[in-house]
């Protein structure tokens, strides 16, 4: 079985949670297996889009929700910046390139740990978001994001890792700045380091900043022109045109990387998508009175199953992305997405097919229910409140079992 980098990184974070013993690769593979779809009676799993069918890989991060809902980003008109140019930062952000640190108060909707320190780059994305970085955790290290000072929304990008001394992180993360240029960011294992990028015969020096609480690690970022890295889903991607080199204070070369990974695929998907179909009301209440709802955000090729909280005024607050599915869904039986939202412990599954009745259950389960995605009624979401192992059954009109699974 093949595993994507995101599969293994997320599995590593989950397997390491609360663990004090050393993790081996076998542990991570087992954790990755637990995250994958299980088979149904006929042995066919639901064909979820392998995060690639939108023309770019969706950098989903289960368990790390974005703030939402807020207005979509409105890209500014394309402007071709000079190779060394750095457009001015948003008025409410620090000056471009100062690498200043800002402390944020705990906020359960913020997609970073409480009291995190954001490294502000001052580099704009589109018209009103800023590239920022922070340390997410020991497993994933430095992560990038897009911060909107006007709304407080922070949208996550990719991970650069926590590099070893004298080495680059996992890869250089790259995104289209939506102003006609390119933004790259990453991390390097040295306190006193200069990072330069060479592309199309020209060289630019990146800006750097110390990483709070991580001596010997600096982040770097640079705005430039050139050829964007292809989306992760590209079948025959063009070779990267940029090379990043790190230099010591005396000019000695510390390391060179040609590995560049596109990191804005999920952002692009979000901004191209909209809520599609009706909300699925569960009747499950949060302590504050809000109701757990499911809904899909979709573009022409892909839908994301989202969990949200519906308030008394009819507004929905985004809580978590559960999984992604192809449009139209492929008939294939059951697919599970297990998740916990705040103080509400819910297990959920997806069924795709022609069954007349589907049911999710577990020992002692309560609040069982299901609803069809009105945009594609052959797809149904099932849920129940439980902390126990769940099972699912699908029946035809005559009450015969047509699919069943315990998801193991």
Protein backbone atom coordinates (compact mmCIF):
# COMPACT_ATOMS: atom_id res chain seq x y z
CA UNK A 1 0.00 0.00 0.00
CA UNK A 2 1.30 3.45 -0.91
CA UNK A 3 1.18 6.35 1.53
CA UNK A 4 1.29 10.03 0.70
CA UNK A 5 3.55 12.37 2.64
CA UNK A 6 0.47 13.97 4.20
CA UNK A 7 -0.83 10.52 5.25
CA UNK A 8 2.38 9.72 7.08
CA UNK A 9 2.87 13.14 8.63
CA UNK A 10 -0.67 13.25 9.99
CA UNK A 11 -0.42 9.64 11.15
CA UNK A 12 2.85 10.46 12.90
CA UNK A 13 1.24 13.37 14.74
CA UNK A 14 -1.68 11.19 15.80
CA UNK A 15 0.44 8.23 16.82
CA UNK A 16 2.74 10.44 18.88
CA UNK A 17 -0.11 12.15 20.73
CA UNK A 18 0.25 11.40 24.43
CA UNK A 19 2.96 8.80 23.81
CA UNK A 20 6.22 8.69 25.73
CA UNK A 21 7.91 5.71 24.02
CA UNK A 22 9.87 5.91 20.77
CA UNK A 23 7.86 5.60 17.55
CA UNK A 24 8.97 3.37 14.72
CA UNK A 25 7.92 3.55 11.09
CA UNK A 26 5.68 0.51 11.63
CA UNK A 27 3.75 2.50 14.24
CA UNK A 28 3.23 5.30 11.76
CA UNK A 29 2.07 2.90 9.03
CA UNK A 30 -0.43 1.37 11.42
CA UNK A 31 -1.72 4.82 12.28
CA UNK A 32 -1.94 5.67 8.57
CA UNK A 33 -3.91 2.46 7.96
CA UNK A 34 -6.40 3.45 10.63
CA UNK A 35 -6.98 6.73 8.80
CA UNK A 36 -7.82 5.03 5.49
CA UNK A 37 -11.26 3.90 4.23
CA UNK A 38 -12.36 0.40 5.24
CA UNK A 39 -14.01 -2.06 2.85
CA UNK A 40 -17.67 -2.92 2.57
CA UNK A 41 -19.46 -6.25 2.11
CA UNK A 42 -18.65 -6.38 -1.59
CA UNK A 43 -15.06 -5.43 -0.85
CA UNK A 44 -15.37 -2.08 -2.60
CA UNK A 45 -14.48 1.10 -0.69
CA UNK A 46 -15.99 4.46 -1.57
CA UNK A 47 -13.86 6.24 -4.16
CA UNK A 48 -12.98 9.43 -2.38
CA UNK A 49 -10.98 11.77 -4.51
CA UNK A 50 -7.34 11.16 -3.58
CA UNK A 51 -7.05 14.83 -2.72
CA UNK A 52 -5.97 15.50 -6.24
CA UNK A 53 -8.95 15.77 -8.53
CA UNK A 54 -9.37 19.51 -8.29
CA UNK A 55 -6.21 20.06 -10.28
CA UNK A 56 -4.19 20.30 -7.08
CA UNK A 57 -3.64 18.40 -3.89
CA UNK A 58 -5.77 19.55 -0.99
CA UNK A 59 -3.52 20.03 1.99
CA UNK A 60 -6.14 18.91 4.47
CA UNK A 61 -5.26 18.97 8.11
CA UNK A 62 -7.84 17.06 10.15
CA UNK A 63 -8.07 18.42 13.65
CA UNK A 64 -6.74 21.85 12.72
CA UNK A 65 -9.78 23.91 11.67
CA UNK A 66 -9.69 27.30 10.04
CA UNK A 67 -11.75 30.24 11.22
CA UNK A 68 -14.99 30.38 9.31
CA UNK A 69 -17.27 31.27 7.76
CA UNK A 70 -15.86 34.53 6.42
CA UNK A 71 -15.98 36.15 2.99
CA UNK A 72 -13.90 34.48 0.32
CA UNK A 73 -10.61 36.04 -0.61
CA UNK A 74 -10.94 38.58 -3.42
CA UNK A 75 -7.76 38.38 -5.52
CA UNK A 76 -6.38 41.72 -6.53
CA UNK A 77 -5.69 42.41 -10.21
CA UNK A 78 -2.56 40.64 -11.40
CA UNK A 79 0.53 42.79 -11.13
CA UNK A 80 3.95 41.60 -12.23
CA UNK A 81 6.42 42.58 -9.52
CA UNK A 82 10.14 42.92 -10.08
CA UNK A 83 12.29 39.99 -8.98
CA UNK A 84 13.43 41.77 -5.81
CA UNK A 85 10.20 43.67 -5.12
CA UNK A 86 8.21 43.20 -1.93
CA UNK A 87 4.81 44.91 -2.02
CA UNK A 88 3.87 46.83 1.08
CA UNK A 89 2.19 44.94 3.90
CA UNK A 90 -1.42 45.41 4.99
CA UNK A 91 -1.89 48.57 7.04
CA UNK A 92 -2.60 46.63 10.21
CA UNK A 93 0.35 44.26 9.85
CA UNK A 94 4.01 44.78 10.78
CA UNK A 95 6.32 46.26 8.18
CA UNK A 96 7.32 43.84 5.45
CA UNK A 97 10.13 41.52 6.33
CA UNK A 98 10.62 42.42 9.99
CA UNK A 99 9.86 38.91 11.21
CA UNK A 100 8.13 40.34 14.26
CA UNK A 101 6.43 38.03 16.73
CA UNK A 102 2.86 38.54 17.87
CA UNK A 103 1.20 36.70 20.74
CA UNK A 104 -2.44 35.65 20.33
CA UNK A 105 -4.88 34.78 23.13
CA UNK A 106 -6.43 31.30 23.34
CA UNK A 107 -9.29 30.89 20.90
CA UNK A 108 -10.89 27.49 20.26
CA UNK A 109 -11.53 28.41 16.64
CA UNK A 110 -7.91 29.40 15.95
CA UNK A 111 -6.13 26.66 13.93
CA UNK A 112 -2.94 26.85 15.99
CA UNK A 113 -2.13 26.00 19.61
CA UNK A 114 -3.31 28.46 22.27
CA UNK A 115 -0.92 31.34 22.95
CA UNK A 116 0.97 30.59 19.76
CA UNK A 117 3.50 33.12 18.53
CA UNK A 118 3.02 34.02 14.89
CA UNK A 119 6.00 35.15 12.84
CA UNK A 120 4.76 37.98 10.64
CA UNK A 121 6.45 38.29 7.25
CA UNK A 122 4.51 41.34 6.04
CA UNK A 123 4.16 39.67 2.63
CA UNK A 124 0.72 39.99 1.09
CA UNK A 125 -1.32 37.20 -0.43
CA UNK A 126 -4.03 38.64 -2.65
CA UNK A 127 -5.52 41.88 -1.40
CA UNK A 128 -5.85 41.44 2.35
CA UNK A 129 -4.07 38.35 3.73
CA UNK A 130 -0.51 38.08 5.03
CA UNK A 131 1.91 35.15 5.02
CA UNK A 132 2.69 34.10 8.61
CA UNK A 133 4.48 31.13 10.19
CA UNK A 134 4.47 29.36 13.56
CA UNK A 135 5.51 26.11 15.22
CA UNK A 136 2.49 23.81 15.13
CA UNK A 137 3.94 20.89 17.13
CA UNK A 138 7.06 18.74 17.42
CA UNK A 139 5.88 16.29 14.75
CA UNK A 140 5.04 18.83 12.03
CA UNK A 141 7.25 21.73 13.02
CA UNK A 142 6.97 25.06 11.24
CA UNK A 143 3.70 25.67 9.42
CA UNK A 144 2.67 28.50 7.15
CA UNK A 145 -0.63 30.29 7.03
CA UNK A 146 -2.51 33.26 5.61
CA UNK A 147 -3.66 35.78 8.22
CA UNK A 148 -6.38 38.37 7.64
CA UNK A 149 -5.92 41.11 10.24
CA UNK A 150 -9.31 42.63 9.45
CA UNK A 151 -11.31 39.48 10.26
CA UNK A 152 -8.88 37.47 12.41
CA UNK A 153 -9.13 34.49 10.06
CA UNK A 154 -6.04 32.31 9.72
CA UNK A 155 -5.94 29.77 6.88
CA UNK A 156 -3.35 27.00 7.07
CA UNK A 157 -0.74 26.19 4.44
CA UNK A 158 1.90 23.44 4.41
CA UNK A 159 4.51 22.28 6.91
CA UNK A 160 8.22 22.96 6.62
CA UNK A 161 9.17 20.70 9.55
CA UNK A 162 11.83 21.25 12.23
CA UNK A 163 15.11 20.77 10.36
CA UNK A 164 18.23 19.24 11.86
CA UNK A 165 21.33 21.43 12.23
CA UNK A 166 22.72 22.52 8.88
CA UNK A 167 19.76 21.20 6.90
CA UNK A 168 16.65 22.50 5.18
CA UNK A 169 13.22 21.41 6.37
CA UNK A 170 11.06 18.91 4.54
CA UNK A 171 10.73 21.12 1.49
CA UNK A 172 10.39 24.71 0.39
CA UNK A 173 6.70 25.62 0.39
CA UNK A 174 5.49 27.66 -2.58
CA UNK A 175 2.34 29.59 -3.44
CA UNK A 176 1.02 31.95 -6.06
CA UNK A 177 0.77 35.36 -4.34
CA UNK A 178 -2.22 36.32 -6.56
CA UNK A 179 -0.41 39.48 -7.53
CA UNK A 180 1.58 38.03 -10.39
CA UNK A 181 4.44 36.77 -8.24
CA UNK A 182 5.57 33.80 -6.17
CA UNK A 183 5.99 33.41 -2.40
CA UNK A 184 8.32 30.75 -1.01
CA UNK A 185 8.91 29.90 2.64
CA UNK A 186 10.68 27.27 4.68
CA UNK A 187 12.98 26.57 7.60
CA UNK A 188 16.70 25.94 8.01
CA UNK A 189 18.65 24.50 10.94
CA UNK A 190 21.02 27.36 11.80
CA UNK A 191 20.90 30.58 13.84
CA UNK A 192 23.12 32.66 11.56
CA UNK A 193 22.20 31.80 7.98
CA UNK A 194 21.63 33.51 4.65
CA UNK A 195 19.25 31.86 2.20
CA UNK A 196 19.29 32.74 -1.49
CA UNK A 197 17.15 31.51 -4.37
CA UNK A 198 18.32 31.35 -7.96
CA UNK A 199 15.74 31.17 -10.74
CA UNK A 200 15.81 32.10 -14.39
CA UNK A 201 19.43 33.22 -14.07
CA UNK A 202 18.68 35.71 -11.28
CA UNK A 203 19.33 35.51 -7.56
CA UNK A 204 17.30 36.93 -4.67
CA UNK A 205 18.03 36.82 -0.97
CA UNK A 206 15.30 35.59 1.37
CA UNK A 207 14.39 37.29 4.60
CA UNK A 208 14.81 35.29 7.79
CA UNK A 209 13.58 35.27 11.38
CA UNK A 210 14.25 33.25 14.52
CA UNK A 211 11.71 30.61 15.52
CA UNK A 212 10.35 31.24 19.03
CA UNK A 213 11.40 28.53 21.44
CA UNK A 214 13.49 26.68 18.87
CA UNK A 215 17.16 27.74 19.10
CA UNK A 216 19.14 26.82 16.02
CA UNK A 217 16.17 27.09 13.64
CA UNK A 218 15.29 30.02 11.43
CA UNK A 219 12.46 30.48 8.97
CA UNK A 220 12.95 32.18 5.62
CA UNK A 221 10.66 33.65 3.00
CA UNK A 222 11.08 35.36 -0.34
CA UNK A 223 8.85 36.98 -2.95
CA UNK A 224 10.04 36.52 -6.51
CA UNK A 225 9.05 35.89 -10.10
CA UNK A 226 9.66 32.74 -12.09
CA UNK A 227 7.84 29.50 -12.80
CA UNK A 228 5.43 28.24 -10.16
CA UNK A 229 5.81 24.68 -8.95
CA UNK A 230 3.17 22.42 -10.44
CA UNK A 231 0.25 21.27 -8.28
CA UNK A 232 1.00 18.04 -6.43
CA UNK A 233 -1.56 16.26 -8.60
CA UNK A 234 0.18 17.08 -11.89
CA UNK A 235 0.90 13.89 -13.84
CA UNK A 236 3.95 15.23 -15.66
CA UNK A 237 5.00 18.34 -13.72
CA UNK A 238 7.57 20.67 -15.16
CA UNK A 239 10.88 20.62 -13.27
CA UNK A 240 11.32 23.28 -10.59
CA UNK A 241 13.17 26.29 -11.92
CA UNK A 242 14.46 27.51 -8.53
CA UNK A 243 17.33 26.36 -6.33
CA UNK A 244 17.61 27.44 -2.68
CA UNK A 245 21.03 27.61 -1.04
CA UNK A 246 21.90 28.33 2.59
CA UNK A 247 25.18 30.06 3.49
CA UNK A 248 27.01 30.46 6.78
CA UNK A 249 28.25 33.85 8.01
CA UNK A 250 31.64 33.21 6.39
CA UNK A 251 30.01 32.46 3.02
CA UNK A 252 30.43 28.70 3.19
CA UNK A 253 27.62 26.69 1.63
CA UNK A 254 25.60 24.88 4.30
CA UNK A 255 23.00 23.21 2.14
CA UNK A 256 21.13 23.27 -1.15
CA UNK A 257 17.63 22.08 -1.93
CA UNK A 258 15.77 21.70 -5.18
CA UNK A 259 12.66 20.25 -3.52
CA UNK A 260 9.75 22.65 -3.80
CA UNK A 261 6.17 21.76 -2.90
CA UNK A 262 3.09 23.68 -3.91
CA UNK A 263 1.19 24.65 -0.75
CA UNK A 264 -1.81 26.74 -1.85
CA UNK A 265 -3.92 23.99 -3.43
CA UNK A 266 -6.36 23.85 -0.52
CA UNK A 267 -6.61 27.65 -0.42
CA UNK A 268 -7.37 27.75 -4.13
CA UNK A 269 -9.97 25.03 -3.66
CA UNK A 270 -11.63 26.96 -0.84
CA UNK A 271 -11.84 30.14 -2.87
CA UNK A 272 -13.24 28.32 -5.90
CA UNK A 273 -15.86 26.43 -3.87
CA UNK A 274 -19.19 27.24 -2.25
CA UNK A 275 -21.70 25.52 0.01
CA UNK A 276 -23.53 23.03 -2.19
CA UNK A 277 -26.76 21.33 -1.13
CA UNK A 278 -28.73 21.63 2.09
CA UNK A 279 -27.39 21.53 5.61
CA UNK A 280 -27.80 18.19 7.38
CA UNK A 281 -29.19 18.89 10.84
CA UNK A 282 -28.36 16.26 13.45
CA UNK A 283 -30.30 17.49 16.47
CA UNK A 284 -27.13 17.05 18.54
CA UNK A 285 -26.60 20.03 20.83
CA UNK A 286 -23.43 21.64 22.14
CA UNK A 287 -23.31 22.95 25.72
CA UNK A 288 -23.87 26.49 24.42
CA UNK A 289 -27.06 25.43 22.61
CA UNK A 290 -25.64 25.29 19.09
CA UNK A 291 -26.54 22.32 16.89
CA UNK A 292 -24.07 20.06 15.07
CA UNK A 293 -24.67 20.17 11.32
CA UNK A 294 -22.96 18.65 8.31
CA UNK A 295 -22.67 20.31 4.92
CA UNK A 296 -20.62 20.14 1.73
CA UNK A 297 -18.46 22.80 0.17
CA UNK A 298 -17.78 21.88 -3.43
CA UNK A 299 -16.53 22.91 -6.82
CA UNK A 300 -17.26 21.13 -10.08
CA UNK A 301 -15.05 18.12 -9.30
CA UNK A 302 -14.79 17.73 -5.54
CA UNK A 303 -16.80 18.16 -2.36
CA UNK A 304 -15.53 18.60 1.19
CA UNK A 305 -17.70 17.23 3.99
CA UNK A 306 -17.65 19.85 6.75
CA UNK A 307 -18.87 19.79 10.34
CA UNK A 308 -20.28 23.02 11.71
CA UNK A 309 -22.25 24.55 14.55
CA UNK A 310 -25.63 26.13 13.78
CA UNK A 311 -26.64 28.95 16.15
CA UNK A 312 -30.08 30.31 16.99
CA UNK A 313 -29.75 33.03 14.35
CA UNK A 314 -29.20 30.44 11.61
CA UNK A 315 -25.47 31.10 11.19
CA UNK A 316 -23.05 28.19 10.81
CA UNK A 317 -19.54 28.26 12.30
CA UNK A 318 -17.07 25.90 10.62
CA UNK A 319 -15.64 23.27 12.98
CA UNK A 320 -13.81 20.61 11.00
CA UNK A 321 -13.18 19.14 7.55
CA UNK A 322 -14.00 15.42 7.65
CA UNK A 323 -13.20 14.10 4.18
CA UNK A 324 -13.40 14.81 0.47
CA UNK A 325 -15.43 13.01 -2.19
CA UNK A 326 -15.59 13.05 -5.96
CA UNK A 327 -18.44 14.70 -7.85
CA UNK A 328 -20.43 12.77 -8.81
CA UNK A 329 -19.88 10.26 -5.98
CA UNK A 330 -18.88 6.75 -6.99
CA UNK A 331 -21.13 3.90 -5.83
CA UNK A 332 -19.11 1.95 -3.34
CA UNK A 333 -20.76 1.40 0.04
CA UNK A 334 -19.47 2.78 3.32
CA UNK A 335 -16.63 5.15 4.13
CA UNK A 336 -15.85 6.29 7.65
CA UNK A 337 -14.67 9.59 9.04
CA UNK A 338 -14.40 9.44 12.84
CA UNK A 339 -14.08 12.73 14.62
CA UNK A 340 -14.65 14.55 17.89
CA UNK A 341 -16.03 18.08 17.96
CA UNK A 342 -15.57 20.09 21.15
CA UNK A 343 -17.55 18.39 23.94
CA UNK A 344 -19.75 16.46 21.50
CA UNK A 345 -18.39 12.99 20.77
CA UNK A 346 -19.69 11.94 17.38
CA UNK A 347 -18.73 9.23 14.95
CA UNK A 348 -19.76 9.63 11.35
CA UNK A 349 -19.70 7.67 8.11
CA UNK A 350 -20.55 8.13 4.45
CA UNK A 351 -22.59 5.71 2.37
CA UNK A 352 -22.85 5.86 -1.43
CA UNK A 353 -25.33 3.60 -3.16
CA UNK A 354 -28.98 2.72 -3.78
CA UNK A 355 -29.90 1.27 -0.37
CA UNK A 356 -33.29 2.31 1.02
CA UNK A 357 -32.08 2.57 4.62
CA UNK A 358 -28.66 3.04 6.20
CA UNK A 359 -27.81 3.02 9.87
CA UNK A 360 -24.74 3.66 11.99
CA UNK A 361 -24.64 2.10 15.45
CA UNK A 362 -22.51 1.15 18.43
CA UNK A 363 -23.01 -0.22 21.91
CA UNK A 364 -24.77 2.47 23.92
CA UNK A 365 -24.97 4.85 20.96
CA UNK A 366 -27.48 7.71 21.03
CA UNK A 367 -28.69 10.34 18.58
CA UNK A 368 -28.42 8.10 15.56
CA UNK A 369 -29.38 9.64 12.25
CA UNK A 370 -28.63 10.07 8.57
CA UNK A 371 -29.29 12.52 5.76
CA UNK A 372 -28.71 12.66 2.02
CA UNK A 373 -26.57 15.23 0.29
CA UNK A 374 -29.28 16.99 -1.70
CA UNK A 375 -26.85 17.74 -4.54
CA UNK A 376 -26.18 13.98 -4.86
CA UNK A 377 -28.90 12.01 -3.04
CA UNK A 378 -27.05 8.72 -3.58
CA UNK A 379 -24.56 9.92 -0.95
CA UNK A 380 -25.68 9.86 2.66
CA UNK A 381 -23.98 10.91 5.86
CA UNK A 382 -24.63 8.78 8.98
CA UNK A 383 -23.85 9.70 12.57
CA UNK A 384 -24.29 8.70 16.19
CA UNK A 385 -22.99 9.82 19.57
CA UNK A 386 -20.63 7.27 21.06
CA UNK A 387 -17.04 6.65 22.10
CA UNK A 388 -17.28 2.98 21.17
CA UNK A 389 -16.46 1.02 18.03
CA UNK A 390 -19.16 1.60 15.40
CA UNK A 391 -20.75 -0.57 12.72
CA UNK A 392 -22.96 0.26 9.76
CA UNK A 393 -25.65 -1.58 7.82
CA UNK A 394 -27.48 -0.76 4.58
CA UNK A 395 -30.83 -2.32 3.62
CA UNK A 396 -32.85 -2.57 0.41
CA UNK A 397 -36.63 -2.03 0.09
CA UNK A 398 -37.33 -5.58 1.27
CA UNK A 399 -35.18 -5.17 4.37
CA UNK A 400 -32.32 -7.29 3.06
CA UNK A 401 -28.79 -6.33 4.05
CA UNK A 402 -26.91 -5.05 0.99
CA UNK A 403 -23.80 -3.74 2.73
CA UNK A 404 -22.37 -3.91 6.24
CA UNK A 405 -19.09 -3.17 7.96
CA UNK A 406 -17.51 -2.81 11.37
CA UNK A 407 -14.85 -0.53 9.80
CA UNK A 408 -11.98 -2.73 11.02
